[in-house]
Amino acid sequence: MDSQFLGSAVEMMILEVVARGPSYGYEITQTVAERSDGYFELKEGSLYPALHRLERQKLLRAFWREADGRRRKYYELTDAGRAELAARKRSWRSFAAGVNGVLGISRAGLADA
């Protein structure tokens, strides 16, 4: 098992949200919370270090935009970020399938689990 899966889950969720269009920090946290039915509540202490890490890795590009009278830092996916997200999603699906196999959960049974 690759322990990196647990540590990169936040990054993968951020990349997925930003893949749907440029977004800023608070909007990312709201989208993650909404799409996870409140299971994941990203806090500033984990969100912004992850955003900065992804930006340093050239997976995200940041830019400033005026919105509602406020200046906000938006993030968008780079081509490298799009490729990385696809690779992480493939790895995550394989990882989840392996865990589900051990737990005796079939694809059909996921809805019942």
N, C-alpha and C. Protein backbone atom coordinates (compact mmCIF):
# COMPACT_ATOMS: atom_id res chain seq x y z
N MET A 1 0.85 -1.18 0.00
CA MET A 1 0.00 0.00 0.00
C MET A 1 0.89 1.24 0.00
N ASP A 2 0.49 2.21 -0.76
CA ASP A 2 1.23 3.46 -0.85
C ASP A 2 0.64 4.46 0.15
N SER A 3 1.39 4.78 1.20
CA SER A 3 0.88 5.69 2.24
C SER A 3 0.64 7.10 1.70
N GLN A 4 1.14 7.39 0.52
CA GLN A 4 0.95 8.71 -0.08
C GLN A 4 -0.54 8.98 -0.35
N PHE A 5 -1.34 7.92 -0.52
CA PHE A 5 -2.77 8.13 -0.80
C PHE A 5 -3.44 8.92 0.31
N LEU A 6 -3.14 8.59 1.54
CA LEU A 6 -3.78 9.29 2.65
C LEU A 6 -3.34 10.74 2.72
N GLY A 7 -2.06 10.98 2.53
CA GLY A 7 -1.54 12.34 2.61
C GLY A 7 -1.92 13.22 1.44
N SER A 8 -2.24 12.63 0.30
CA SER A 8 -2.55 13.43 -0.89
C SER A 8 -4.04 13.54 -1.17
N ALA A 9 -4.88 13.01 -0.29
CA ALA A 9 -6.33 13.07 -0.53
C ALA A 9 -6.82 14.52 -0.62
N VAL A 10 -6.33 15.38 0.25
CA VAL A 10 -6.74 16.79 0.22
C VAL A 10 -6.32 17.42 -1.10
N GLU A 11 -5.09 17.15 -1.51
CA GLU A 11 -4.60 17.71 -2.77
C GLU A 11 -5.44 17.23 -3.94
N MET A 12 -5.79 15.95 -3.95
CA MET A 12 -6.58 15.39 -5.04
C MET A 12 -7.96 16.05 -5.09
N MET A 13 -8.57 16.28 -3.93
CA MET A 13 -9.88 16.93 -3.89
C MET A 13 -9.78 18.37 -4.39
N ILE A 14 -8.72 19.07 -4.01
CA ILE A 14 -8.53 20.44 -4.48
C ILE A 14 -8.37 20.46 -6.00
N LEU A 15 -7.53 19.57 -6.52
CA LEU A 15 -7.33 19.51 -7.97
C LEU A 15 -8.65 19.24 -8.69
N GLU A 16 -9.45 18.35 -8.15
CA GLU A 16 -10.74 18.02 -8.77
C GLU A 16 -11.66 19.22 -8.79
N VAL A 17 -11.75 19.95 -7.70
CA VAL A 17 -12.62 21.13 -7.65
C VAL A 17 -12.14 22.18 -8.65
N VAL A 18 -10.85 22.44 -8.65
CA VAL A 18 -10.30 23.47 -9.53
C VAL A 18 -10.35 23.03 -11.00
N ALA A 19 -10.40 21.73 -11.26
CA ALA A 19 -10.50 21.24 -12.64
C ALA A 19 -11.81 21.69 -13.28
N ARG A 20 -12.80 22.00 -12.49
CA ARG A 20 -14.10 22.42 -13.01
C ARG A 20 -14.16 23.91 -13.32
N GLY A 21 -13.08 24.62 -12.98
CA GLY A 21 -13.00 26.05 -13.28
C GLY A 21 -12.25 26.77 -12.18
N PRO A 22 -11.71 27.95 -12.49
CA PRO A 22 -10.97 28.71 -11.50
C PRO A 22 -11.79 28.91 -10.23
N SER A 23 -11.12 28.84 -9.09
CA SER A 23 -11.79 28.94 -7.81
C SER A 23 -10.85 29.55 -6.79
N TYR A 24 -11.41 30.11 -5.73
CA TYR A 24 -10.61 30.70 -4.65
C TYR A 24 -10.82 29.87 -3.38
N GLY A 25 -9.99 30.12 -2.38
CA GLY A 25 -9.94 29.28 -1.19
C GLY A 25 -11.27 28.95 -0.55
N TYR A 26 -12.03 29.96 -0.17
CA TYR A 26 -13.31 29.70 0.50
C TYR A 26 -14.26 28.90 -0.39
N GLU A 27 -14.28 29.24 -1.65
CA GLU A 27 -15.14 28.54 -2.60
C GLU A 27 -14.74 27.06 -2.71
N ILE A 28 -13.45 26.79 -2.67
CA ILE A 28 -12.96 25.40 -2.71
C ILE A 28 -13.45 24.65 -1.49
N THR A 29 -13.32 25.26 -0.30
CA THR A 29 -13.76 24.59 0.92
C THR A 29 -15.26 24.30 0.89
N GLN A 30 -16.04 25.24 0.38
CA GLN A 30 -17.49 25.06 0.31
C GLN A 30 -17.85 23.95 -0.67
N THR A 31 -17.17 23.90 -1.79
CA THR A 31 -17.45 22.87 -2.79
C THR A 31 -17.11 21.49 -2.25
N VAL A 32 -15.97 21.36 -1.60
CA VAL A 32 -15.57 20.07 -1.02
C VAL A 32 -16.59 19.64 0.04
N ALA A 33 -16.98 20.55 0.90
CA ALA A 33 -17.96 20.22 1.95
C ALA A 33 -19.29 19.79 1.32
N GLU A 34 -19.73 20.53 0.33
CA GLU A 34 -21.01 20.22 -0.33
C GLU A 34 -20.97 18.87 -1.04
N ARG A 35 -19.91 18.65 -1.81
CA ARG A 35 -19.83 17.41 -2.59
C ARG A 35 -19.57 16.18 -1.72
N SER A 36 -19.08 16.39 -0.50
CA SER A 36 -18.85 15.26 0.42
C SER A 36 -19.97 15.15 1.45
N ASP A 37 -21.06 15.87 1.23
CA ASP A 37 -22.17 15.90 2.18
C ASP A 37 -21.70 16.27 3.59
N GLY A 38 -20.75 17.21 3.65
CA GLY A 38 -20.25 17.69 4.92
C GLY A 38 -19.21 16.83 5.59
N TYR A 39 -18.82 15.73 4.96
CA TYR A 39 -17.83 14.83 5.56
C TYR A 39 -16.46 15.50 5.67
N PHE A 40 -16.07 16.22 4.60
CA PHE A 40 -14.78 16.91 4.60
C PHE A 40 -15.00 18.40 4.79
N GLU A 41 -14.41 18.93 5.83
CA GLU A 41 -14.41 20.37 6.09
C GLU A 41 -12.96 20.83 6.09
N LEU A 42 -12.52 21.34 4.96
CA LEU A 42 -11.13 21.79 4.86
C LEU A 42 -10.95 23.06 5.68
N LYS A 43 -9.96 23.05 6.52
CA LYS A 43 -9.62 24.21 7.34
C LYS A 43 -8.46 24.95 6.68
N GLU A 44 -8.30 26.22 7.04
CA GLU A 44 -7.22 27.03 6.47
C GLU A 44 -5.86 26.38 6.65
N GLY A 45 -5.67 25.72 7.80
CA GLY A 45 -4.38 25.11 8.11
C GLY A 45 -3.99 23.97 7.21
N SER A 46 -4.95 23.37 6.53
CA SER A 46 -4.62 22.31 5.57
C SER A 46 -4.83 22.79 4.13
N LEU A 47 -5.81 23.68 3.92
CA LEU A 47 -6.11 24.14 2.56
C LEU A 47 -4.97 24.95 1.96
N TYR A 48 -4.57 26.03 2.65
CA TYR A 48 -3.61 26.93 2.03
C TYR A 48 -2.21 26.33 1.86
N PRO A 49 -1.71 25.55 2.81
CA PRO A 49 -0.43 24.88 2.53
C PRO A 49 -0.53 23.95 1.32
N ALA A 50 -1.67 23.26 1.16
CA ALA A 50 -1.84 22.38 0.00
C ALA A 50 -1.90 23.18 -1.29
N LEU A 51 -2.63 24.30 -1.28
CA LEU A 51 -2.69 25.15 -2.47
C LEU A 51 -1.31 25.65 -2.85
N HIS A 52 -0.54 26.10 -1.87
CA HIS A 52 0.81 26.61 -2.15
C HIS A 52 1.73 25.50 -2.65
N ARG A 53 1.60 24.31 -2.09
CA ARG A 53 2.39 23.16 -2.54
C ARG A 53 2.07 22.83 -4.00
N LEU A 54 0.78 22.79 -4.33
CA LEU A 54 0.36 22.48 -5.70
C LEU A 54 0.81 23.56 -6.67
N GLU A 55 0.84 24.80 -6.20
CA GLU A 55 1.32 25.90 -7.04
C GLU A 55 2.83 25.78 -7.27
N ARG A 56 3.59 25.45 -6.23
CA ARG A 56 5.04 25.26 -6.38
C ARG A 56 5.35 24.10 -7.33
N GLN A 57 4.50 23.08 -7.31
CA GLN A 57 4.70 21.92 -8.19
C GLN A 57 4.21 22.20 -9.61
N LYS A 58 3.72 23.40 -9.86
CA LYS A 58 3.23 23.83 -11.18
C LYS A 58 1.97 23.05 -11.61
N LEU A 59 1.21 22.56 -10.62
CA LEU A 59 -0.04 21.87 -10.91
C LEU A 59 -1.21 22.85 -10.89
N LEU A 60 -1.03 23.96 -10.19
CA LEU A 60 -1.99 25.05 -10.16
C LEU A 60 -1.29 26.35 -10.52
N ARG A 61 -2.05 27.27 -11.08
CA ARG A 61 -1.57 28.61 -11.39
C ARG A 61 -2.49 29.57 -10.64
N ALA A 62 -1.92 30.55 -9.97
CA ALA A 62 -2.72 31.51 -9.20
C ALA A 62 -2.78 32.84 -9.93
N PHE A 63 -3.89 33.54 -9.75
CA PHE A 63 -4.04 34.88 -10.28
C PHE A 63 -5.04 35.63 -9.41
N TRP A 64 -4.95 36.94 -9.45
CA TRP A 64 -5.85 37.79 -8.64
C TRP A 64 -6.98 38.29 -9.51
N ARG A 65 -8.17 38.37 -8.89
CA ARG A 65 -9.36 38.85 -9.59
C ARG A 65 -10.21 39.65 -8.61
N GLU A 66 -10.78 40.72 -9.11
CA GLU A 66 -11.70 41.53 -8.33
C GLU A 66 -13.08 40.89 -8.44
N ALA A 67 -13.72 40.63 -7.29
CA ALA A 67 -15.06 40.04 -7.28
C ALA A 67 -15.82 40.58 -6.09
N ASP A 68 -17.02 41.06 -6.33
CA ASP A 68 -17.87 41.59 -5.25
C ASP A 68 -17.13 42.66 -4.45
N GLY A 69 -16.35 43.48 -5.12
CA GLY A 69 -15.62 44.54 -4.44
C GLY A 69 -14.43 44.07 -3.63
N ARG A 70 -14.08 42.80 -3.78
CA ARG A 70 -12.93 42.25 -3.04
C ARG A 70 -11.94 41.66 -4.02
N ARG A 71 -10.70 41.75 -3.66
CA ARG A 71 -9.63 41.15 -4.47
C ARG A 71 -9.40 39.74 -3.92
N ARG A 72 -9.54 38.73 -4.79
CA ARG A 72 -9.39 37.34 -4.37
C ARG A 72 -8.34 36.64 -5.21
N LYS A 73 -7.64 35.72 -4.57
CA LYS A 73 -6.65 34.91 -5.26
C LYS A 73 -7.34 33.65 -5.77
N TYR A 74 -7.38 33.50 -7.08
CA TYR A 74 -7.98 32.34 -7.71
C TYR A 74 -6.90 31.36 -8.14
N TYR A 75 -7.30 30.12 -8.24
CA TYR A 75 -6.41 29.06 -8.69
C TYR A 75 -7.04 28.36 -9.87
N GLU A 76 -6.21 28.02 -10.85
CA GLU A 76 -6.68 27.24 -11.99
C GLU A 76 -5.70 26.12 -12.26
N LEU A 77 -6.21 25.07 -12.85
CA LEU A 77 -5.39 23.89 -13.15
C LEU A 77 -4.50 24.17 -14.35
N THR A 78 -3.27 23.73 -14.27
CA THR A 78 -2.36 23.79 -15.43
C THR A 78 -2.51 22.49 -16.21
N ASP A 79 -1.89 22.41 -17.36
CA ASP A 79 -1.91 21.16 -18.12
C ASP A 79 -1.27 20.03 -17.30
N ALA A 80 -0.17 20.37 -16.60
CA ALA A 80 0.48 19.38 -15.74
C ALA A 80 -0.46 18.95 -14.61
N GLY A 81 -1.23 19.89 -14.09
CA GLY A 81 -2.19 19.59 -13.04
C GLY A 81 -3.29 18.67 -13.52
N ARG A 82 -3.75 18.89 -14.74
CA ARG A 82 -4.79 18.04 -15.33
C ARG A 82 -4.28 16.60 -15.49
N ALA A 83 -3.06 16.47 -15.95
CA ALA A 83 -2.45 15.14 -16.12
C ALA A 83 -2.24 14.48 -14.76
N GLU A 84 -1.79 15.25 -13.78
CA GLU A 84 -1.56 14.71 -12.43
C GLU A 84 -2.87 14.27 -11.79
N LEU A 85 -3.91 15.05 -11.97
CA LEU A 85 -5.22 14.67 -11.42
C LEU A 85 -5.69 13.36 -12.03
N ALA A 86 -5.56 13.20 -13.32
CA ALA A 86 -5.96 11.95 -13.98
C ALA A 86 -5.18 10.77 -13.42
N ALA A 87 -3.87 10.95 -13.23
CA ALA A 87 -3.04 9.87 -12.69
C ALA A 87 -3.43 9.54 -11.25
N ARG A 88 -3.68 10.56 -10.44
CA ARG A 88 -4.07 10.32 -9.05
C ARG A 88 -5.43 9.63 -8.96
N LYS A 89 -6.35 10.00 -9.84
CA LYS A 89 -7.66 9.35 -9.83
C LYS A 89 -7.55 7.88 -10.21
N ARG A 90 -6.71 7.57 -11.18
CA ARG A 90 -6.49 6.16 -11.54
C ARG A 90 -5.91 5.38 -10.37
N SER A 91 -4.91 5.96 -9.72
CA SER A 91 -4.29 5.31 -8.56
C SER A 91 -5.29 5.14 -7.42
N TRP A 92 -6.09 6.18 -7.19
CA TRP A 92 -7.08 6.12 -6.11
C TRP A 92 -8.10 5.02 -6.38
N ARG A 93 -8.56 4.91 -7.62
CA ARG A 93 -9.54 3.86 -7.95
C ARG A 93 -8.95 2.47 -7.72
N SER A 94 -7.71 2.28 -8.08
CA SER A 94 -7.05 0.99 -7.85
C SER A 94 -6.92 0.70 -6.37
N PHE A 95 -6.51 1.70 -5.61
CA PHE A 95 -6.38 1.58 -4.16
C PHE A 95 -7.73 1.22 -3.53
N ALA A 96 -8.77 1.96 -3.89
CA ALA A 96 -10.10 1.73 -3.34
C ALA A 96 -10.62 0.34 -3.72
N ALA A 97 -10.36 -0.08 -4.94
CA ALA A 97 -10.79 -1.41 -5.37
C ALA A 97 -10.10 -2.49 -4.54
N GLY A 98 -8.83 -2.31 -4.25
CA GLY A 98 -8.10 -3.27 -3.42
C GLY A 98 -8.67 -3.34 -2.01
N VAL A 99 -8.92 -2.19 -1.41
CA VAL A 99 -9.50 -2.16 -0.06
C VAL A 99 -10.89 -2.78 -0.08
N ASN A 100 -11.70 -2.41 -1.07
CA ASN A 100 -13.05 -2.97 -1.17
C ASN A 100 -13.02 -4.49 -1.34
N GLY A 101 -12.04 -4.99 -2.08
CA GLY A 101 -11.90 -6.44 -2.24
C GLY A 101 -11.65 -7.12 -0.91
N VAL A 102 -10.77 -6.55 -0.12
CA VAL A 102 -10.47 -7.11 1.20
C VAL A 102 -11.70 -7.05 2.10
N LEU A 103 -12.46 -5.98 2.00
CA LEU A 103 -13.66 -5.81 2.83
C LEU A 103 -14.86 -6.60 2.32
N GLY A 104 -14.71 -7.19 1.14
CA GLY A 104 -15.82 -7.96 0.57
C GLY A 104 -16.92 -7.09 0.00
N ILE A 105 -16.55 -5.89 -0.41
CA ILE A 105 -17.53 -4.97 -0.99
C ILE A 105 -17.36 -4.98 -2.51
N SER A 106 -18.39 -5.42 -3.19
CA SER A 106 -18.35 -5.42 -4.65
C SER A 106 -18.76 -4.05 -5.17
N ARG A 107 -18.52 -3.81 -6.45
CA ARG A 107 -18.95 -2.54 -7.05
C ARG A 107 -20.45 -2.36 -6.88
N ALA A 108 -21.22 -3.43 -7.06
CA ALA A 108 -22.67 -3.34 -6.93
C ALA A 108 -23.06 -3.05 -5.49
N GLY A 109 -22.25 -3.54 -4.54
CA GLY A 109 -22.56 -3.36 -3.13
C GLY A 109 -22.15 -2.02 -2.57
N LEU A 110 -21.47 -1.19 -3.35
CA LEU A 110 -21.02 0.11 -2.85
C LEU A 110 -22.20 0.98 -2.44
N ALA A 111 -23.30 0.88 -3.18
CA ALA A 111 -24.47 1.70 -2.86
C ALA A 111 -25.08 1.25 -1.54
N ASP A 112 -24.92 -0.03 -1.19
CA ASP A 112 -25.51 -0.57 0.03
C ASP A 112 -24.59 -0.43 1.23
N ALA A 113 -23.31 -0.15 0.99
CA ALA A 113 -22.32 -0.15 2.09
C ALA A 113 -22.51 0.98 3.05
